[in-house]
Amino acid sequence: MKQDTFTVPGLRITRQYDRWNGALFLAWKPNVSMCFRDRKELLKFCSWPPKTPTGDALREWLNSFEVNETQADEPQPQSSLSDELLATGFGPECHDVDNDNTRTII
């Protein structure tokens, strides 16, 4: 799971991302720690107003992930998995080889 951290005095946000559940933000303020999946709820919890250096840096940090996620959502060229395995794989499962006569004797 990939992690990224935003830290300022009195606030620490860790973004964890996996391909199955998406992004999870773990936010910490003194005496409080909460998890968020929604950007708006995270900004409400952080309570840093825009047009301040920290507020702008936080929003810029959050926007950097939206750009990366939209690039990742673009469709990739379709390639057959079996063609890829035949080209790069190794072992009998990747090739059309009859291995019925192969046995291990111990």
Protein backbone atom coordinates (compact mmCIF):
# COMPACT_ATOMS: atom_id res chain seq x y z
CA MET A 1 0.00 0.00 0.00
CA LYS A 2 1.43 3.33 -1.05
CA GLN A 3 1.62 6.12 1.58
CA ASP A 4 2.17 9.87 1.43
CA THR A 5 2.28 12.34 4.34
CA PHE A 6 1.44 16.03 4.81
CA THR A 7 2.79 17.49 8.06
CA VAL A 8 2.55 20.94 9.62
CA PRO A 9 2.67 21.88 13.32
CA GLY A 10 -0.55 20.63 14.88
CA LEU A 11 -1.68 18.58 11.86
CA ARG A 12 -0.52 15.36 10.22
CA ILE A 13 -2.33 13.67 7.33
CA THR A 14 -1.28 10.33 5.91
CA ARG A 15 -2.78 9.21 2.62
CA GLN A 16 -2.88 5.49 2.02
CA TYR A 17 -3.96 4.19 -1.36
CA ASP A 18 -4.66 0.71 -2.58
CA ARG A 19 -6.23 -0.32 -5.85
CA TRP A 20 -9.21 -2.08 -4.28
CA ASN A 21 -10.53 0.52 -1.83
CA GLY A 22 -9.11 3.78 -3.19
CA ALA A 23 -7.65 6.54 -1.03
CA LEU A 24 -7.89 6.66 2.75
CA PHE A 25 -6.78 9.76 4.66
CA LEU A 26 -5.72 9.34 8.30
CA ALA A 27 -5.74 12.80 9.89
CA TRP A 28 -4.28 13.68 13.29
CA LYS A 29 -4.74 16.86 15.31
CA PRO A 30 -3.74 17.10 18.96
CA ASN A 31 -5.90 14.64 20.96
CA VAL A 32 -7.96 13.65 17.87
CA SER A 33 -7.37 11.18 15.06
CA MET A 34 -9.89 10.32 12.32
CA CYS A 35 -10.04 8.48 8.99
CA PHE A 36 -11.64 9.96 5.87
CA ARG A 37 -12.34 8.83 2.33
CA ASP A 38 -13.95 12.13 1.29
CA ARG A 39 -11.82 15.19 0.57
CA LYS A 40 -14.48 17.68 1.75
CA GLU A 41 -14.88 15.98 5.12
CA LEU A 42 -11.10 15.95 5.54
CA LEU A 43 -10.87 19.69 4.85
CA LYS A 44 -13.69 20.34 7.32
CA PHE A 45 -11.86 18.33 9.99
CA CYS A 46 -8.56 20.13 9.35
CA SER A 47 -10.25 23.55 9.53
CA TRP A 48 -7.45 25.38 7.71
CA PRO A 49 -9.03 28.19 5.69
CA PRO A 50 -8.05 28.79 2.07
CA LYS A 51 -5.86 31.77 1.20
CA THR A 52 -3.45 30.96 4.02
CA PRO A 53 -0.06 29.40 3.32
CA THR A 54 -0.92 26.15 5.11
CA GLY A 55 -4.45 25.99 3.69
CA ASP A 56 -3.19 26.50 0.15
CA ALA A 57 -0.41 23.92 0.63
CA LEU A 58 -2.93 21.38 1.96
CA ARG A 59 -5.31 21.89 -0.97
CA GLU A 60 -2.45 21.73 -3.46
CA TRP A 61 -1.29 18.45 -1.85
CA LEU A 62 -4.82 17.01 -2.15
CA ASN A 63 -5.17 18.21 -5.76
CA SER A 64 -1.94 16.47 -6.74
CA PHE A 65 -3.60 13.11 -6.05
CA GLU A 66 -6.67 13.93 -8.13
CA VAL A 67 -4.45 14.61 -11.16
CA ASN A 68 -2.59 11.31 -10.66
CA GLU A 69 -5.82 9.32 -10.21
CA THR A 70 -7.39 10.71 -13.38
CA GLN A 71 -4.27 9.76 -15.33
CA ALA A 72 -4.45 6.26 -13.85
CA ASP A 73 -8.13 5.93 -14.85
CA GLU A 74 -7.38 6.47 -18.54
CA PRO A 75 -7.87 3.26 -20.49
CA GLN A 76 -4.71 1.36 -21.23
CA PRO A 77 -4.23 -0.49 -24.51
CA GLN A 78 -5.76 -3.94 -24.29
CA SER A 79 -3.30 -6.80 -24.53
CA SER A 80 -4.08 -10.42 -24.12
CA LEU A 81 -2.75 -11.86 -20.89
CA SER A 82 -1.89 -15.15 -22.55
CA ASP A 83 0.13 -13.35 -25.25
CA GLU A 84 2.01 -11.46 -22.57
CA LEU A 85 2.73 -14.65 -20.62
CA LEU A 86 3.97 -16.43 -23.73
CA ALA A 87 6.29 -13.54 -24.50
CA THR A 88 7.70 -12.93 -21.02
CA GLY A 89 6.76 -15.89 -18.84
CA PHE A 90 8.67 -19.03 -18.00
CA GLY A 91 7.65 -22.49 -16.93
CA PRO A 92 5.26 -25.00 -18.42
CA GLU A 93 2.13 -23.03 -17.47
CA CYS A 94 3.19 -20.24 -19.83
CA HIS A 95 3.79 -22.35 -22.92
CA ASP A 96 1.84 -24.91 -24.90
CA VAL A 97 3.93 -27.86 -23.73
CA ASP A 98 2.50 -31.25 -22.85
CA ASN A 99 3.90 -32.13 -19.40
CA ASP A 100 1.82 -35.20 -18.65
CA ASN A 101 4.90 -37.42 -18.80
CA THR A 102 6.95 -35.29 -16.39
CA ARG A 103 7.12 -36.72 -12.89
CA THR A 104 9.28 -36.03 -9.84
CA ILE A 105 10.73 -39.11 -8.18
CA ILE A 106 11.95 -38.69 -4.65
